Amino acid sequence: MKNVGTIDRVLRVVFGLTLIALVFIGPQTPWGWIGLILLLTAMVGFCPAYRLFGIRTCRIAPPQAGRS
């Protein structure tokens, strides 16, 4: 079940890549590896923290005809 919308996914990729770049360029702190979590949640489309807090940024698919 997905709970991360398209705009949210794009932002996660941008911020994730930025944080990972900070590991190699800039302050070079290990905090930049948090970017991997952002990239992973963007690729999968699911964020456990969103589920914990009941947040959903993706649209709910309309019911399909012929299914009960």
C-alpha atoms as a PDB file:
ATOM      1  CA  MET A   1       0.000   0.000   0.000  1.00  0.00           C
ATOM      2  CA  LYS A   2       1.464   3.310  -1.047  1.00  0.00           C
ATOM      3  CA  ASN A   3       1.177   6.458   1.026  1.00  0.00           C
ATOM      4  CA  VAL A   4       3.724   8.773  -0.659  1.00  0.00           C
ATOM      5  CA  GLY A   5       2.469  10.940  -3.529  1.00  0.00           C
ATOM      6  CA  THR A   6       4.275  12.065  -6.674  1.00  0.00           C
ATOM      7  CA  ILE A   7       5.353  15.514  -5.498  1.00  0.00           C
ATOM      8  CA  ASP A   8       6.456  14.047  -2.183  1.00  0.00           C
ATOM      9  CA  ARG A   9       8.518  11.408  -4.017  1.00  0.00           C
ATOM     10  CA  VAL A  10      10.272  14.008  -6.149  1.00  0.00           C
ATOM     11  CA  LEU A  11      11.126  16.084  -3.081  1.00  0.00           C
ATOM     12  CA  ARG A  12      12.440  12.995  -1.299  1.00  0.00           C
ATOM     13  CA  VAL A  13      14.745  12.193  -4.230  1.00  0.00           C
ATOM     14  CA  VAL A  14      16.062  15.769  -4.403  1.00  0.00           C
ATOM     15  CA  PHE A  15      16.672  16.048  -0.652  1.00  0.00           C
ATOM     16  CA  GLY A  16      18.000  12.496  -0.457  1.00  0.00           C
ATOM     17  CA  LEU A  17      20.591  13.112  -3.167  1.00  0.00           C
ATOM     18  CA  THR A  18      21.519  16.422  -1.543  1.00  0.00           C
ATOM     19  CA  LEU A  19      22.093  14.760   1.827  1.00  0.00           C
ATOM     20  CA  ILE A  20      24.145  11.969   0.264  1.00  0.00           C
ATOM     21  CA  ALA A  21      26.252  14.551  -1.585  1.00  0.00           C
ATOM     22  CA  LEU A  22      26.987  16.214   1.767  1.00  0.00           C
ATOM     23  CA  VAL A  23      28.690  13.002   2.890  1.00  0.00           C
ATOM     24  CA  PHE A  24      31.278  13.408   0.136  1.00  0.00           C
ATOM     25  CA  ILE A  25      31.324  17.193  -0.306  1.00  0.00           C
ATOM     26  CA  GLY A  26      30.921  19.769   2.429  1.00  0.00           C
ATOM     27  CA  PRO A  27      30.808  18.983   6.141  1.00  0.00           C
ATOM     28  CA  GLN A  28      31.265  15.220   5.506  1.00  0.00           C
ATOM     29  CA  THR A  29      29.177  14.117   8.463  1.00  0.00           C
ATOM     30  CA  PRO A  30      27.475  10.716   8.695  1.00  0.00           C
ATOM     31  CA  TRP A  31      24.066  12.432   8.969  1.00  0.00           C
ATOM     32  CA  GLY A  32      24.049  12.633   5.175  1.00  0.00           C
ATOM     33  CA  TRP A  33      23.356   8.901   4.991  1.00  0.00           C
ATOM     34  CA  ILE A  34      19.787   9.659   6.051  1.00  0.00           C
ATOM     35  CA  GLY A  35      19.398  10.518   2.376  1.00  0.00           C
ATOM     36  CA  LEU A  36      19.394   6.777   1.647  1.00  0.00           C
ATOM     37  CA  ILE A  37      16.208   6.415   3.670  1.00  0.00           C
ATOM     38  CA  LEU A  38      14.594   9.218   1.679  1.00  0.00           C
ATOM     39  CA  LEU A  39      15.623   7.600  -1.615  1.00  0.00           C
ATOM     40  CA  LEU A  40      14.365   4.199  -0.522  1.00  0.00           C
ATOM     41  CA  THR A  41      10.967   5.520   0.570  1.00  0.00           C
ATOM     42  CA  ALA A  42      10.678   7.465  -2.692  1.00  0.00           C
ATOM     43  CA  MET A  43      11.404   4.362  -4.779  1.00  0.00           C
ATOM     44  CA  VAL A  44       9.013   2.127  -2.840  1.00  0.00           C
ATOM     45  CA  GLY A  45       6.297   4.769  -2.407  1.00  0.00           C
ATOM     46  CA  PHE A  46       5.747   3.848   1.230  1.00  0.00           C
ATOM     47  CA  CYS A  47       6.864   5.697   4.368  1.00  0.00           C
ATOM     48  CA  PRO A  48       6.485   3.883   7.709  1.00  0.00           C
ATOM     49  CA  ALA A  49       6.424   7.209   9.603  1.00  0.00           C
ATOM     50  CA  TYR A  50       3.505   8.399   7.460  1.00  0.00           C
ATOM     51  CA  ARG A  51       1.584   5.255   8.344  1.00  0.00           C
ATOM     52  CA  LEU A  52       2.355   5.682  12.030  1.00  0.00           C
ATOM     53  CA  PHE A  53       0.959   9.245  11.998  1.00  0.00           C
ATOM     54  CA  GLY A  54      -1.882   8.533   9.550  1.00  0.00           C
ATOM     55  CA  ILE A  55      -0.491  10.769   6.790  1.00  0.00           C
ATOM     56  CA  ARG A  56      -1.135  10.022   3.117  1.00  0.00           C
ATOM     57  CA  THR A  57       0.102  12.281   0.308  1.00  0.00           C
ATOM     58  CA  CYS A  58      -0.954  10.111  -2.640  1.00  0.00           C
ATOM     59  CA  ARG A  59      -4.374  10.034  -4.162  1.00  0.00           C
ATOM     60  CA  ILE A  60      -6.685   7.184  -3.311  1.00  0.00           C
ATOM     61  CA  ALA A  61      -7.451   5.150  -6.427  1.00  0.00           C
ATOM     62  CA  PRO A  62     -11.125   5.222  -7.433  1.00  0.00           C
ATOM     63  CA  PRO A  63     -12.912   1.867  -7.235  1.00  0.00           C
ATOM     64  CA  GLN A  64     -12.690  -0.091 -10.465  1.00  0.00           C
ATOM     65  CA  ALA A  65     -15.844  -1.157 -12.265  1.00  0.00           C
ATOM     66  CA  GLY A  66     -16.696  -4.833 -11.970  1.00  0.00           C
ATOM     67  CA  ARG A  67     -14.938  -5.393  -8.661  1.00  0.00           C
ATOM     68  CA  SER A  68     -16.738  -5.830  -5.386  1.00  0.00           C
END
